[in-house]
Amino acid sequence: MLPQERDPHHHTRKMKSRLQETMVHLREDIEKVGDPQSKALLETSAEVLEGFTQAFNHYERKGESAWQA
């Protein structure tokens, strides 16, 4: 195992990048679908992933009391 693989921030950065890519893809697809339910599903999914991204940010900055232990 590489030393960087032991660093939790290495993994949070990678996951945030993947989440961001997926959010962009979901939002691009909103313009490609026609029905309102599909648009809502794609936007809601992007918003959920945005929440996960914020959780990773809070972990990295120790911004929530749960991460300050």
C-alpha atoms as a PDB file:
ATOM      1  CA  MET A   1       0.000   0.000   0.000  1.00  0.00           C
ATOM      2  CA  LEU A   2       1.342   3.427  -0.928  1.00  0.00           C
ATOM      3  CA  PRO A   3       1.777   5.934   1.923  1.00  0.00           C
ATOM      4  CA  GLN A   4      -0.754   8.310   0.346  1.00  0.00           C
ATOM      5  CA  GLU A   5      -3.362   5.551   0.429  1.00  0.00           C
ATOM      6  CA  ARG A   6      -3.232   5.682   4.229  1.00  0.00           C
ATOM      7  CA  ASP A   7      -4.104   9.389   4.194  1.00  0.00           C
ATOM      8  CA  PRO A   8      -7.898   9.803   4.497  1.00  0.00           C
ATOM      9  CA  HIS A   9      -7.731  13.114   2.633  1.00  0.00           C
ATOM     10  CA  HIS A  10      -6.326  11.312  -0.394  1.00  0.00           C
ATOM     11  CA  HIS A  11      -9.541   9.301  -0.520  1.00  0.00           C
ATOM     12  CA  THR A  12     -11.885  12.193   0.237  1.00  0.00           C
ATOM     13  CA  ARG A  13     -10.336  14.236  -2.585  1.00  0.00           C
ATOM     14  CA  LYS A  14     -10.794  11.346  -5.013  1.00  0.00           C
ATOM     15  CA  MET A  15     -14.395  10.774  -3.966  1.00  0.00           C
ATOM     16  CA  LYS A  16     -15.246  14.476  -4.171  1.00  0.00           C
ATOM     17  CA  SER A  17     -13.862  14.548  -7.707  1.00  0.00           C
ATOM     18  CA  ARG A  18     -15.948  11.546  -8.740  1.00  0.00           C
ATOM     19  CA  LEU A  19     -19.054  12.986  -7.122  1.00  0.00           C
ATOM     20  CA  GLN A  20     -18.485  16.302  -8.919  1.00  0.00           C
ATOM     21  CA  GLU A  21     -18.116  14.544 -12.274  1.00  0.00           C
ATOM     22  CA  THR A  22     -21.359  12.668 -11.697  1.00  0.00           C
ATOM     23  CA  MET A  23     -23.190  15.845 -10.623  1.00  0.00           C
ATOM     24  CA  VAL A  24     -22.091  17.592 -13.823  1.00  0.00           C
ATOM     25  CA  HIS A  25     -23.197  14.608 -15.906  1.00  0.00           C
ATOM     26  CA  LEU A  26     -26.604  14.484 -14.206  1.00  0.00           C
ATOM     27  CA  ARG A  27     -27.178  18.196 -14.753  1.00  0.00           C
ATOM     28  CA  GLU A  28     -26.108  17.981 -18.394  1.00  0.00           C
ATOM     29  CA  ASP A  29     -28.591  15.162 -18.917  1.00  0.00           C
ATOM     30  CA  ILE A  30     -31.438  17.328 -17.604  1.00  0.00           C
ATOM     31  CA  GLU A  31     -31.354  19.192 -20.922  1.00  0.00           C
ATOM     32  CA  LYS A  32     -31.452  15.908 -22.849  1.00  0.00           C
ATOM     33  CA  VAL A  33     -34.618  14.420 -21.361  1.00  0.00           C
ATOM     34  CA  GLY A  34     -38.090  15.653 -22.091  1.00  0.00           C
ATOM     35  CA  ASP A  35     -40.398  14.685 -19.293  1.00  0.00           C
ATOM     36  CA  PRO A  36     -40.547  16.693 -16.051  1.00  0.00           C
ATOM     37  CA  GLN A  37     -40.266  13.624 -13.798  1.00  0.00           C
ATOM     38  CA  SER A  38     -36.952  12.627 -15.363  1.00  0.00           C
ATOM     39  CA  LYS A  39     -35.664  16.180 -15.052  1.00  0.00           C
ATOM     40  CA  ALA A  40     -36.672  16.240 -11.380  1.00  0.00           C
ATOM     41  CA  LEU A  41     -35.033  12.864 -10.741  1.00  0.00           C
ATOM     42  CA  LEU A  42     -31.758  13.983 -12.316  1.00  0.00           C
ATOM     43  CA  GLU A  43     -31.704  17.299 -10.432  1.00  0.00           C
ATOM     44  CA  THR A  44     -32.616  15.653  -7.126  1.00  0.00           C
ATOM     45  CA  SER A  45     -29.859  13.094  -7.633  1.00  0.00           C
ATOM     46  CA  ALA A  46     -27.343  15.867  -8.297  1.00  0.00           C
ATOM     47  CA  GLU A  47     -28.468  17.668  -5.137  1.00  0.00           C
ATOM     48  CA  VAL A  48     -28.027  14.512  -3.049  1.00  0.00           C
ATOM     49  CA  LEU A  49     -24.490  14.087  -4.384  1.00  0.00           C
ATOM     50  CA  GLU A  50     -23.835  17.746  -3.589  1.00  0.00           C
ATOM     51  CA  GLY A  51     -24.806  16.991   0.009  1.00  0.00           C
ATOM     52  CA  PHE A  52     -22.325  14.116   0.097  1.00  0.00           C
ATOM     53  CA  THR A  53     -19.658  16.447  -1.279  1.00  0.00           C
ATOM     54  CA  GLN A  54     -20.383  18.903   1.524  1.00  0.00           C
ATOM     55  CA  ALA A  55     -20.053  16.100   4.063  1.00  0.00           C
ATOM     56  CA  PHE A  56     -16.587  15.308   2.693  1.00  0.00           C
ATOM     57  CA  ASN A  57     -15.703  19.033   2.883  1.00  0.00           C
ATOM     58  CA  HIS A  58     -16.845  19.199   6.505  1.00  0.00           C
ATOM     59  CA  TYR A  59     -14.772  16.126   7.308  1.00  0.00           C
ATOM     60  CA  GLU A  60     -11.659  17.631   5.713  1.00  0.00           C
ATOM     61  CA  ARG A  61     -12.097  20.951   7.543  1.00  0.00           C
ATOM     62  CA  LYS A  62     -13.329  19.298  10.738  1.00  0.00           C
ATOM     63  CA  GLY A  63     -16.284  21.645  10.320  1.00  0.00           C
ATOM     64  CA  GLU A  64     -18.827  19.509  12.149  1.00  0.00           C
ATOM     65  CA  SER A  65     -18.630  18.443  15.771  1.00  0.00           C
ATOM     66  CA  ALA A  66     -18.732  14.772  14.735  1.00  0.00           C
ATOM     67  CA  TRP A  67     -15.395  15.199  12.920  1.00  0.00           C
ATOM     68  CA  GLN A  68     -13.633  17.055  15.737  1.00  0.00           C
ATOM     69  CA  ALA A  69     -12.935  14.044  17.958  1.00  0.00           C
END
